[in-house]
Amino acid sequence: MGKALVVYDSVYGNTEKVAKALAKGLGDSGVQVDTLKADMVKFDELTKYDLLVVGGPVHAWNITKPIKEFLDHLKTVQGMRGKKGFAFDTKMNKSSLAGNAGGKIEDSLKSLGLTIVRSHSTAVVKGNEGPLEEGAEEAFTQIGAELAKKI
């Protein structure tokens, strides 16, 4: 089918669970998928992927430093234009007052020439350290399956 990379940052493990759920949905649908923390990405290998999924927690109403650094470095990678992209975030509630890392990540991916295949999504975390809201992992596994059809 295709190849996907799920890049994430996670502070308490909740965003990592969401990233792995997305990867499961992609993988169960026949996509070859790798999942890496943002600081582990090998930028010279990014062009081998058809879909780039990027997500992180909302931190101080914004993107975390590792995701920001990843996106800044991504600007230097040739050959990303025309690839497909999807963004996600985790936060304590869905209110816009809680911040919007997913939307900012999506905007960055768009500005780099990636085609956004699905509007960014949010997983809600109960409290600072979690757990995820009930059903979040299952919902993101389904999103992963939906993304697989767009590769």
N, C-alpha and C. Protein backbone atom coordinates (compact mmCIF):
# COMPACT_ATOMS: atom_id res chain seq x y z
N MET A 1 0.84 -1.19 0.00
CA MET A 1 0.00 0.00 0.00
C MET A 1 0.88 1.24 0.00
N GLY A 2 1.28 1.73 1.14
CA GLY A 2 2.11 2.92 1.23
C GLY A 2 2.93 2.87 2.49
N LYS A 3 3.67 3.96 2.72
CA LYS A 3 4.50 4.06 3.92
C LYS A 3 4.11 5.32 4.68
N ALA A 4 4.04 5.19 6.00
CA ALA A 4 3.68 6.32 6.85
C ALA A 4 4.65 6.42 8.02
N LEU A 5 4.86 7.65 8.45
CA LEU A 5 5.65 7.91 9.65
C LEU A 5 4.80 8.72 10.61
N VAL A 6 4.69 8.23 11.85
CA VAL A 6 3.99 8.95 12.91
C VAL A 6 5.07 9.53 13.83
N VAL A 7 5.12 10.85 13.89
CA VAL A 7 6.10 11.58 14.70
C VAL A 7 5.33 12.23 15.85
N TYR A 8 5.86 12.08 17.07
CA TYR A 8 5.13 12.63 18.21
C TYR A 8 6.08 13.09 19.30
N ASP A 9 5.54 13.90 20.20
CA ASP A 9 6.18 14.23 21.46
C ASP A 9 5.17 13.88 22.53
N SER A 10 5.64 13.42 23.67
CA SER A 10 4.74 13.04 24.74
C SER A 10 5.41 13.35 26.07
N VAL A 11 4.66 13.96 26.97
CA VAL A 11 5.21 14.31 28.27
C VAL A 11 4.85 13.24 29.31
N TYR A 12 3.57 12.84 29.36
CA TYR A 12 3.11 11.87 30.35
C TYR A 12 2.71 10.53 29.73
N GLY A 13 2.95 10.37 28.42
CA GLY A 13 2.64 9.09 27.78
C GLY A 13 1.31 9.05 27.06
N ASN A 14 0.47 10.06 27.24
CA ASN A 14 -0.84 10.05 26.60
C ASN A 14 -0.74 10.25 25.09
N THR A 15 0.09 11.18 24.66
CA THR A 15 0.24 11.43 23.23
C THR A 15 0.92 10.24 22.56
N GLU A 16 1.80 9.58 23.26
CA GLU A 16 2.42 8.36 22.72
C GLU A 16 1.36 7.29 22.48
N LYS A 17 0.41 7.15 23.39
CA LYS A 17 -0.68 6.17 23.21
C LYS A 17 -1.50 6.51 21.97
N VAL A 18 -1.77 7.78 21.76
CA VAL A 18 -2.53 8.21 20.58
C VAL A 18 -1.73 7.92 19.32
N ALA A 19 -0.43 8.23 19.33
CA ALA A 19 0.43 7.97 18.18
C ALA A 19 0.44 6.48 17.84
N LYS A 20 0.53 5.64 18.85
CA LYS A 20 0.55 4.19 18.63
C LYS A 20 -0.81 3.69 18.15
N ALA A 21 -1.89 4.31 18.61
CA ALA A 21 -3.22 3.94 18.11
C ALA A 21 -3.36 4.29 16.63
N LEU A 22 -2.88 5.46 16.25
CA LEU A 22 -2.89 5.85 14.83
C LEU A 22 -2.07 4.85 14.01
N ALA A 23 -0.89 4.51 14.51
CA ALA A 23 -0.02 3.56 13.82
C ALA A 23 -0.69 2.20 13.68
N LYS A 24 -1.41 1.77 14.72
CA LYS A 24 -2.12 0.49 14.66
C LYS A 24 -3.17 0.51 13.56
N GLY A 25 -3.95 1.58 13.50
CA GLY A 25 -4.97 1.70 12.46
C GLY A 25 -4.37 1.69 11.07
N LEU A 26 -3.26 2.38 10.90
CA LEU A 26 -2.56 2.40 9.62
C LEU A 26 -2.02 1.01 9.29
N GLY A 27 -1.33 0.41 10.25
CA GLY A 27 -0.71 -0.89 10.03
C GLY A 27 -1.72 -2.00 9.77
N ASP A 28 -2.82 -1.99 10.53
CA ASP A 28 -3.87 -3.00 10.34
C ASP A 28 -4.52 -2.88 8.97
N SER A 29 -4.36 -1.71 8.36
CA SER A 29 -4.94 -1.47 7.03
C SER A 29 -3.93 -1.72 5.91
N GLY A 30 -2.77 -2.25 6.25
CA GLY A 30 -1.79 -2.61 5.24
C GLY A 30 -0.70 -1.60 4.96
N VAL A 31 -0.68 -0.52 5.70
CA VAL A 31 0.34 0.51 5.50
C VAL A 31 1.58 0.12 6.31
N GLN A 32 2.75 0.26 5.71
CA GLN A 32 4.00 0.08 6.45
C GLN A 32 4.19 1.35 7.26
N VAL A 33 4.27 1.24 8.58
CA VAL A 33 4.29 2.43 9.42
C VAL A 33 5.41 2.37 10.45
N ASP A 34 6.06 3.51 10.65
CA ASP A 34 7.05 3.67 11.70
C ASP A 34 6.54 4.75 12.64
N THR A 35 6.87 4.61 13.92
CA THR A 35 6.45 5.57 14.94
C THR A 35 7.69 6.01 15.70
N LEU A 36 7.94 7.33 15.71
CA LEU A 36 9.15 7.85 16.35
C LEU A 36 8.86 9.11 17.16
N LYS A 37 9.55 9.24 18.29
CA LYS A 37 9.53 10.52 19.00
C LYS A 37 10.23 11.55 18.12
N ALA A 38 9.81 12.77 18.22
CA ALA A 38 10.31 13.85 17.35
C ALA A 38 11.83 13.97 17.36
N ASP A 39 12.44 13.73 18.51
CA ASP A 39 13.90 13.89 18.58
C ASP A 39 14.67 12.67 18.06
N MET A 40 13.96 11.65 17.57
CA MET A 40 14.60 10.44 17.04
C MET A 40 14.51 10.34 15.51
N VAL A 41 13.86 11.31 14.88
CA VAL A 41 13.64 11.25 13.43
C VAL A 41 14.95 11.46 12.68
N LYS A 42 15.15 10.64 11.65
CA LYS A 42 16.29 10.79 10.74
C LYS A 42 15.77 11.55 9.52
N PHE A 43 16.11 12.82 9.45
CA PHE A 43 15.54 13.69 8.43
C PHE A 43 15.90 13.27 7.01
N ASP A 44 17.03 12.61 6.84
CA ASP A 44 17.43 12.18 5.50
C ASP A 44 16.60 11.00 5.00
N GLU A 45 15.75 10.43 5.86
CA GLU A 45 14.91 9.30 5.46
C GLU A 45 13.43 9.69 5.26
N LEU A 46 13.10 10.94 5.49
CA LEU A 46 11.69 11.35 5.45
C LEU A 46 11.04 11.21 4.08
N THR A 47 11.79 11.39 3.02
CA THR A 47 11.17 11.37 1.69
C THR A 47 10.70 9.98 1.27
N LYS A 48 11.08 8.94 2.01
CA LYS A 48 10.62 7.59 1.66
C LYS A 48 9.18 7.34 2.12
N TYR A 49 8.62 8.27 2.89
CA TYR A 49 7.25 8.10 3.40
C TYR A 49 6.25 8.83 2.51
N ASP A 50 5.07 8.23 2.36
CA ASP A 50 3.98 8.85 1.60
C ASP A 50 3.13 9.76 2.49
N LEU A 51 3.06 9.41 3.79
CA LEU A 51 2.22 10.13 4.75
C LEU A 51 3.05 10.47 5.98
N LEU A 52 2.99 11.73 6.39
CA LEU A 52 3.66 12.19 7.61
C LEU A 52 2.57 12.62 8.59
N VAL A 53 2.52 11.94 9.73
CA VAL A 53 1.58 12.25 10.80
C VAL A 53 2.39 12.86 11.94
N VAL A 54 1.97 14.03 12.42
CA VAL A 54 2.73 14.72 13.46
C VAL A 54 1.78 15.16 14.56
N GLY A 55 2.17 14.88 15.81
CA GLY A 55 1.32 15.29 16.92
C GLY A 55 2.06 15.48 18.22
N GLY A 56 1.44 16.22 19.10
CA GLY A 56 2.02 16.45 20.41
C GLY A 56 1.00 17.06 21.34
N PRO A 57 1.34 17.14 22.60
CA PRO A 57 0.43 17.75 23.56
C PRO A 57 0.44 19.27 23.43
N VAL A 58 -0.66 19.87 23.84
CA VAL A 58 -0.70 21.32 23.95
C VAL A 58 0.09 21.68 25.20
N HIS A 59 1.03 22.58 25.05
CA HIS A 59 1.85 23.01 26.18
C HIS A 59 1.85 24.53 26.19
N ALA A 60 1.33 25.10 27.26
CA ALA A 60 1.22 26.56 27.38
C ALA A 60 0.52 27.14 26.15
N TRP A 61 -0.58 26.51 25.74
CA TRP A 61 -1.42 26.91 24.61
C TRP A 61 -0.71 26.79 23.27
N ASN A 62 0.35 26.01 23.20
CA ASN A 62 1.14 25.97 21.98
C ASN A 62 1.71 24.58 21.73
N ILE A 63 2.59 24.50 20.74
CA ILE A 63 3.30 23.28 20.39
C ILE A 63 4.48 23.10 21.36
N THR A 64 4.79 21.86 21.73
CA THR A 64 5.94 21.62 22.59
C THR A 64 7.23 21.90 21.84
N LYS A 65 8.30 22.15 22.58
CA LYS A 65 9.59 22.48 21.98
C LYS A 65 10.09 21.39 21.03
N PRO A 66 10.02 20.09 21.39
CA PRO A 66 10.50 19.07 20.45
C PRO A 66 9.73 19.05 19.12
N ILE A 67 8.43 19.30 19.15
CA ILE A 67 7.66 19.34 17.90
C ILE A 67 8.00 20.60 17.11
N LYS A 68 8.16 21.71 17.80
CA LYS A 68 8.55 22.95 17.11
C LYS A 68 9.90 22.76 16.43
N GLU A 69 10.86 22.17 17.13
CA GLU A 69 12.19 21.94 16.55
C GLU A 69 12.10 20.98 15.36
N PHE A 70 11.26 19.94 15.48
CA PHE A 70 11.07 19.01 14.37
C PHE A 70 10.53 19.75 13.15
N LEU A 71 9.49 20.56 13.35
CA LEU A 71 8.89 21.30 12.23
C LEU A 71 9.87 22.31 11.63
N ASP A 72 10.67 22.95 12.47
CA ASP A 72 11.68 23.89 11.96
C ASP A 72 12.71 23.16 11.10
N HIS A 73 13.15 22.00 11.56
CA HIS A 73 14.14 21.22 10.80
C HIS A 73 13.52 20.66 9.52
N LEU A 74 12.23 20.34 9.57
CA LEU A 74 11.53 19.80 8.40
C LEU A 74 11.58 20.77 7.23
N LYS A 75 11.67 22.06 7.52
CA LYS A 75 11.75 23.09 6.47
C LYS A 75 12.98 22.90 5.59
N THR A 76 14.01 22.24 6.10
CA THR A 76 15.26 22.06 5.36
C THR A 76 15.26 20.80 4.50
N VAL A 77 14.22 19.97 4.63
CA VAL A 77 14.18 18.69 3.90
C VAL A 77 13.60 18.90 2.51
N GLN A 78 14.38 18.57 1.51
CA GLN A 78 13.92 18.66 0.13
C GLN A 78 13.06 17.45 -0.21
N GLY A 79 12.04 17.64 -1.03
CA GLY A 79 11.24 16.51 -1.50
C GLY A 79 10.00 16.21 -0.68
N MET A 80 9.62 17.09 0.22
CA MET A 80 8.41 16.85 1.02
C MET A 80 7.15 17.40 0.35
N ARG A 81 7.31 18.35 -0.55
CA ARG A 81 6.16 18.93 -1.24
C ARG A 81 5.39 17.83 -1.95
N GLY A 82 4.07 17.81 -1.77
CA GLY A 82 3.23 16.81 -2.42
C GLY A 82 3.00 15.56 -1.57
N LYS A 83 3.78 15.40 -0.50
CA LYS A 83 3.53 14.29 0.42
C LYS A 83 2.23 14.59 1.16
N LYS A 84 1.69 13.59 1.80
CA LYS A 84 0.43 13.76 2.54
C LYS A 84 0.73 13.97 4.01
N GLY A 85 -0.14 14.72 4.68
CA GLY A 85 0.08 15.03 6.09
C GLY A 85 -1.19 15.00 6.92
N PHE A 86 -1.01 14.76 8.20
CA PHE A 86 -2.10 14.79 9.18
C PHE A 86 -1.51 15.22 10.52
N ALA A 87 -2.24 16.04 11.26
CA ALA A 87 -1.78 16.54 12.56
C ALA A 87 -2.79 16.18 13.65
N PHE A 88 -2.26 16.00 14.86
CA PHE A 88 -3.13 15.73 16.01
C PHE A 88 -2.50 16.34 17.26
N ASP A 89 -3.32 16.46 18.30
CA ASP A 89 -2.81 16.91 19.58
C ASP A 89 -3.58 16.26 20.72
N THR A 90 -3.05 16.42 21.92
CA THR A 90 -3.75 16.02 23.13
C THR A 90 -3.83 17.24 24.03
N LYS A 91 -4.96 17.38 24.71
CA LYS A 91 -5.12 18.50 25.63
C LYS A 91 -6.21 18.18 26.63
N MET A 92 -6.32 19.03 27.65
CA MET A 92 -7.24 18.73 28.74
C MET A 92 -8.70 18.94 28.39
N ASN A 93 -9.03 19.79 27.45
CA ASN A 93 -10.41 19.89 27.01
C ASN A 93 -10.43 20.43 25.58
N LYS A 94 -11.57 20.29 24.93
CA LYS A 94 -11.65 20.66 23.52
C LYS A 94 -11.88 22.15 23.29
N SER A 95 -11.98 22.91 24.35
CA SER A 95 -12.19 24.35 24.21
C SER A 95 -11.01 25.00 23.50
N SER A 96 -11.30 25.99 22.66
CA SER A 96 -10.22 26.72 21.99
C SER A 96 -9.36 27.47 23.00
N LEU A 97 -9.88 27.69 24.20
CA LEU A 97 -9.10 28.36 25.24
C LEU A 97 -7.97 27.48 25.74
N ALA A 98 -8.05 26.16 25.45
CA ALA A 98 -7.02 25.23 25.90
C ALA A 98 -5.81 25.24 24.98
N GLY A 99 -5.88 25.97 23.89
CA GLY A 99 -4.78 25.98 22.93
C GLY A 99 -5.07 25.02 21.78
N ASN A 100 -4.21 25.05 20.77
CA ASN A 100 -4.48 24.26 19.58
C ASN A 100 -3.17 23.88 18.90
N ALA A 101 -2.48 22.91 19.44
CA ALA A 101 -1.23 22.47 18.82
C ALA A 101 -1.50 21.80 17.48
N GLY A 102 -2.57 21.02 17.39
CA GLY A 102 -2.89 20.32 16.15
C GLY A 102 -3.07 21.26 14.97
N GLY A 103 -3.78 22.35 15.19
CA GLY A 103 -3.99 23.32 14.12
C GLY A 103 -2.69 23.99 13.69
N LYS A 104 -1.83 24.28 14.65
CA LYS A 104 -0.54 24.91 14.34
C LYS A 104 0.37 23.94 13.60
N ILE A 105 0.35 22.67 14.01
CA ILE A 105 1.14 21.66 13.31
C ILE A 105 0.63 21.52 11.88
N GLU A 106 -0.70 21.46 11.73
CA GLU A 106 -1.30 21.34 10.40
C GLU A 106 -0.90 22.53 9.52
N ASP A 107 -0.95 23.72 10.06
CA ASP A 107 -0.55 24.91 9.29
C ASP A 107 0.90 24.81 8.84
N SER A 108 1.76 24.32 9.71
CA SER A 108 3.18 24.16 9.35
C SER A 108 3.34 23.14 8.23
N LEU A 109 2.63 22.02 8.32
CA LEU A 109 2.72 20.99 7.28
C LEU A 109 2.23 21.55 5.94
N LYS A 110 1.13 22.28 5.98
CA LYS A 110 0.60 22.91 4.75
C LYS A 110 1.61 23.87 4.14
N SER A 111 2.22 24.69 4.99
CA SER A 111 3.16 25.70 4.50
C SER A 111 4.39 25.05 3.85
N LEU A 112 4.65 23.80 4.18
CA LEU A 112 5.78 23.07 3.60
C LEU A 112 5.39 22.32 2.33
N GLY A 113 4.13 22.46 1.93
CA GLY A 113 3.68 21.84 0.69
C GLY A 113 3.06 20.47 0.83
N LEU A 114 2.84 20.02 2.07
CA LEU A 114 2.17 18.73 2.25
C LEU A 114 0.67 18.91 2.02
N THR A 115 0.04 17.89 1.49
CA THR A 115 -1.40 17.88 1.29
C THR A 115 -2.05 17.31 2.54
N ILE A 116 -2.87 18.09 3.20
CA ILE A 116 -3.54 17.64 4.42
C ILE A 116 -4.71 16.74 4.02
N VAL A 117 -4.67 15.49 4.47
CA VAL A 117 -5.66 14.50 4.03
C VAL A 117 -6.86 14.41 4.97
N ARG A 118 -6.74 14.99 6.16
CA ARG A 118 -7.84 15.02 7.12
C ARG A 118 -7.53 16.14 8.10
N SER A 119 -8.55 16.89 8.45
CA SER A 119 -8.38 17.98 9.40
C SER A 119 -7.83 17.44 10.74
N HIS A 120 -7.01 18.23 11.41
CA HIS A 120 -6.39 17.79 12.66
C HIS A 120 -7.44 17.33 13.68
N SER A 121 -7.01 16.43 14.55
CA SER A 121 -7.90 15.87 15.58
C SER A 121 -7.26 16.00 16.95
N THR A 122 -8.12 16.02 17.96
CA THR A 122 -7.69 16.17 19.35
C THR A 122 -8.14 14.98 20.18
N ALA A 123 -7.24 14.50 21.02
CA ALA A 123 -7.59 13.51 22.05
C ALA A 123 -7.62 14.26 23.38
N VAL A 124 -8.68 14.09 24.12
CA VAL A 124 -8.84 14.79 25.39
C VAL A 124 -8.22 13.95 26.52
N VAL A 125 -7.46 14.64 27.36
CA VAL A 125 -6.81 14.03 28.52
C VAL A 125 -7.51 14.53 29.77
N LYS A 126 -7.78 13.62 30.69
CA LYS A 126 -8.42 13.99 31.96
C LYS A 126 -7.32 14.40 32.94
N GLY A 127 -7.19 15.67 33.20
CA GLY A 127 -6.16 16.15 34.12
C GLY A 127 -4.82 16.31 33.44
N ASN A 128 -3.86 16.90 34.15
CA ASN A 128 -2.53 17.16 33.59
C ASN A 128 -1.84 15.90 33.10
N GLU A 129 -1.94 14.82 33.85
CA GLU A 129 -1.18 13.63 33.55
C GLU A 129 -2.03 12.51 32.94
N GLY A 130 -3.29 12.76 32.72
CA GLY A 130 -4.13 11.73 32.12
C GLY A 130 -5.01 11.08 33.16
N PRO A 131 -5.70 10.06 32.76
CA PRO A 131 -5.59 9.28 31.52
C PRO A 131 -6.34 9.94 30.36
N LEU A 132 -6.23 9.31 29.20
CA LEU A 132 -7.01 9.75 28.05
C LEU A 132 -8.48 9.53 28.33
N GLU A 133 -9.30 10.37 27.71
CA GLU A 133 -10.75 10.19 27.79
C GLU A 133 -11.10 8.81 27.24
N GLU A 134 -12.09 8.17 27.82
CA GLU A 134 -12.48 6.83 27.39
C GLU A 134 -12.82 6.81 25.90
N GLY A 135 -12.29 5.83 25.20
CA GLY A 135 -12.56 5.66 23.78
C GLY A 135 -11.60 6.40 22.85
N ALA A 136 -10.68 7.19 23.42
CA ALA A 136 -9.78 7.99 22.58
C ALA A 136 -8.87 7.11 21.73
N GLU A 137 -8.28 6.08 22.33
CA GLU A 137 -7.36 5.24 21.56
C GLU A 137 -8.10 4.52 20.43
N GLU A 138 -9.30 4.04 20.72
CA GLU A 138 -10.08 3.37 19.68
C GLU A 138 -10.43 4.34 18.56
N ALA A 139 -10.79 5.57 18.93
CA ALA A 139 -11.13 6.58 17.92
C ALA A 139 -9.93 6.87 17.02
N PHE A 140 -8.73 6.94 17.59
CA PHE A 140 -7.56 7.23 16.79
C PHE A 140 -7.09 6.02 15.98
N THR A 141 -7.39 4.83 16.45
CA THR A 141 -7.13 3.64 15.62
C THR A 141 -7.99 3.72 14.37
N GLN A 142 -9.24 4.14 14.53
CA GLN A 142 -10.15 4.30 13.40
C GLN A 142 -9.66 5.42 12.46
N ILE A 143 -9.18 6.50 13.03
CA ILE A 143 -8.63 7.58 12.21
C ILE A 143 -7.45 7.05 11.39
N GLY A 144 -6.61 6.25 12.02
CA GLY A 144 -5.48 5.65 11.30
C GLY A 144 -5.94 4.82 10.11
N ALA A 145 -7.02 4.06 10.30
CA ALA A 145 -7.58 3.26 9.20
C ALA A 145 -8.10 4.17 8.10
N GLU A 146 -8.73 5.29 8.47
CA GLU A 146 -9.22 6.25 7.48
C GLU A 146 -8.06 6.87 6.70
N LEU A 147 -6.98 7.20 7.41
CA LEU A 147 -5.82 7.79 6.77
C LEU A 147 -5.20 6.82 5.77
N ALA A 148 -5.22 5.54 6.09
CA ALA A 148 -4.64 4.51 5.20
C ALA A 148 -5.30 4.54 3.84
N LYS A 149 -6.58 4.83 3.80
CA LYS A 149 -7.31 4.86 2.52
C LYS A 149 -6.92 6.06 1.66
N LYS A 150 -6.25 7.03 2.26
CA LYS A 150 -5.90 8.26 1.53
C LYS A 150 -4.48 8.26 1.01
N ILE A 151 -3.76 7.18 1.27
CA ILE A 151 -2.37 7.10 0.80
C ILE A 151 -2.38 6.58 -0.64
